[in-house]
Structures are given as structure tokens and as C-alpha cells.
């Protein structure tokens, strides 16, 4: 048995009648979370206090800070040195640093 509502619907009817209704519904529902946040700002403030958003209470020494900033960069340089050679690696670093300092 075929459904008479679906059987009588052409693609043109679907695109001109059903799709605009779906689009309006989706557009209206998309703004609902924003309206809920505006109505309850204190709830949004408590959600922002996630444990990853809190500051770390421990201050880092300059050595620890430098180690954390360069922990991925130094092994990359060592790998480039092995693959390309010292001269090519130094040349690439000089180009990169001058380009970085220009901006």
C-alpha cells in the first residue's frame, strides 16, 4: 500500500512547500539556546568555571616555561637536521625568522 500523501507529492511540491517550512523551523530553533542563555546569565557564568578554564595556581620558572614552549620545536629541528643537513636547516631557520620578524 502506498501512502496517498507521499504518492501525490512531486519534487517541485517538496521544494516549494515542505522545504521552506523546514528551513523556517530550523532557523527558529537555532536561536533557542541563545535566548535561554540571555534569560539566565548566572547559569552561563557557572558553566564558564570549568576545571580547564581555571588558572593554574603554580607559577612556572623561566626554565620550565622555556622547556614547555620548546618541547616540540627542538625535536623537529633535530629531525630536520638529520634529513636535510645542517646548512639547509640553518638556511630555513634564517628565512623563517626574518619572515616572522617582518610581520
Protein backbone atom coordinates (compact mmCIF):
# COMPACT_ATOMS: atom_id res chain seq x y z
CA UNK A 1 0.00 0.00 0.00
CA UNK A 2 1.24 3.43 -0.86
CA UNK A 3 0.68 6.48 1.27
CA UNK A 4 -1.54 8.96 -0.65
CA UNK A 5 0.24 11.96 0.91
CA UNK A 6 3.62 10.82 -0.28
CA UNK A 7 2.49 9.36 -3.61
CA UNK A 8 0.89 12.62 -4.74
CA UNK A 9 3.87 14.78 -3.79
CA UNK A 10 6.17 15.79 -6.59
CA UNK A 11 9.70 17.05 -6.19
CA UNK A 12 8.53 20.54 -7.06
CA UNK A 13 5.92 20.46 -4.29
CA UNK A 14 8.53 19.23 -1.85
CA UNK A 15 10.96 22.02 -2.74
CA UNK A 16 8.38 24.81 -2.82
CA UNK A 17 6.19 23.85 0.13
CA UNK A 18 7.88 21.50 2.56
CA UNK A 19 11.48 22.75 2.40
CA UNK A 20 10.68 26.40 3.26
CA UNK A 21 8.75 25.22 6.30
CA UNK A 22 11.68 23.09 7.42
CA UNK A 23 14.10 25.97 6.92
CA UNK A 24 11.98 28.38 8.95
CA UNK A 25 11.65 25.82 11.74
CA UNK A 26 15.41 25.18 11.83
CA UNK A 27 16.17 28.90 11.81
CA UNK A 28 13.78 29.50 14.71
CA UNK A 29 15.15 26.59 16.75
CA UNK A 30 18.75 27.62 16.14
CA UNK A 31 18.30 30.75 18.26
CA UNK A 32 16.66 28.98 21.19
CA UNK A 33 19.87 28.22 23.16
CA UNK A 34 20.97 31.83 22.83
CA UNK A 35 17.65 33.06 24.17
CA UNK A 36 17.94 30.65 27.11
CA UNK A 37 21.41 32.00 27.94
CA UNK A 38 20.14 35.58 27.81
CA UNK A 39 17.30 34.70 30.17
CA UNK A 40 19.63 33.05 32.71
CA UNK A 41 23.07 34.75 32.67
CA UNK A 42 24.08 33.26 36.03
CA UNK A 43 23.78 29.76 34.57
CA UNK A 44 26.17 30.69 31.79
CA UNK A 45 28.63 32.09 34.32
CA UNK A 46 28.71 28.85 36.28
CA UNK A 47 29.34 26.84 33.10
CA UNK A 48 32.39 29.00 32.30
CA UNK A 49 34.04 27.88 35.54
CA UNK A 50 35.12 24.55 34.02
CA UNK A 51 38.19 23.00 35.59
CA UNK A 52 40.22 23.54 32.39
CA UNK A 53 39.30 27.24 32.35
CA UNK A 54 40.63 27.93 35.85
CA UNK A 55 44.10 29.40 36.23
CA UNK A 56 46.90 27.18 37.40
CA UNK A 57 47.87 28.33 40.90
CA UNK A 58 51.53 27.40 40.48
CA UNK A 59 53.83 29.90 38.80
CA UNK A 60 56.42 28.47 36.41
CA UNK A 61 60.10 29.33 36.49
CA UNK A 62 61.66 30.78 33.36
CA UNK A 63 63.43 27.45 32.72
CA UNK A 64 60.15 25.49 32.96
CA UNK A 65 58.38 28.00 30.73
CA UNK A 66 61.13 27.78 28.09
CA UNK A 67 61.09 23.97 28.24
CA UNK A 68 57.34 23.83 27.71
CA UNK A 69 57.42 26.30 24.84
CA UNK A 70 60.20 24.46 23.00
CA UNK A 71 59.41 20.84 23.83
CA UNK A 72 58.07 20.14 20.32
CA UNK A 73 60.25 22.57 18.39
CA UNK A 74 63.66 21.19 19.41
CA UNK A 75 62.94 17.57 18.28
CA UNK A 76 61.60 18.97 14.99
CA UNK A 77 64.84 20.86 14.45
CA UNK A 78 66.85 17.74 15.23
CA UNK A 79 64.83 15.77 12.69
CA UNK A 80 65.24 18.47 10.04
CA UNK A 81 68.97 18.48 10.74
CA UNK A 82 69.14 14.73 10.14
CA UNK A 83 67.03 14.79 6.99
CA UNK A 84 68.18 17.99 5.28
CA UNK A 85 71.60 18.62 6.72
CA UNK A 86 72.88 21.39 8.96
CA UNK A 87 73.34 24.03 6.22
CA UNK A 88 69.84 23.62 4.78
CA UNK A 89 68.25 23.61 8.26
CA UNK A 90 70.06 26.80 9.27
CA UNK A 91 69.07 28.42 5.97
CA UNK A 92 65.40 27.54 6.54
CA UNK A 93 65.51 28.87 10.11
CA UNK A 94 67.07 32.15 8.97
CA UNK A 95 64.37 32.62 6.30
CA UNK A 96 61.64 31.76 8.79
CA UNK A 97 62.94 34.12 11.46
CA UNK A 98 63.34 37.07 9.07
CA UNK A 99 59.87 36.49 7.66
CA UNK A 100 58.45 36.21 11.17
CA UNK A 101 60.15 39.41 12.33
CA UNK A 102 58.84 41.39 9.34
CA UNK A 103 55.21 40.98 10.36
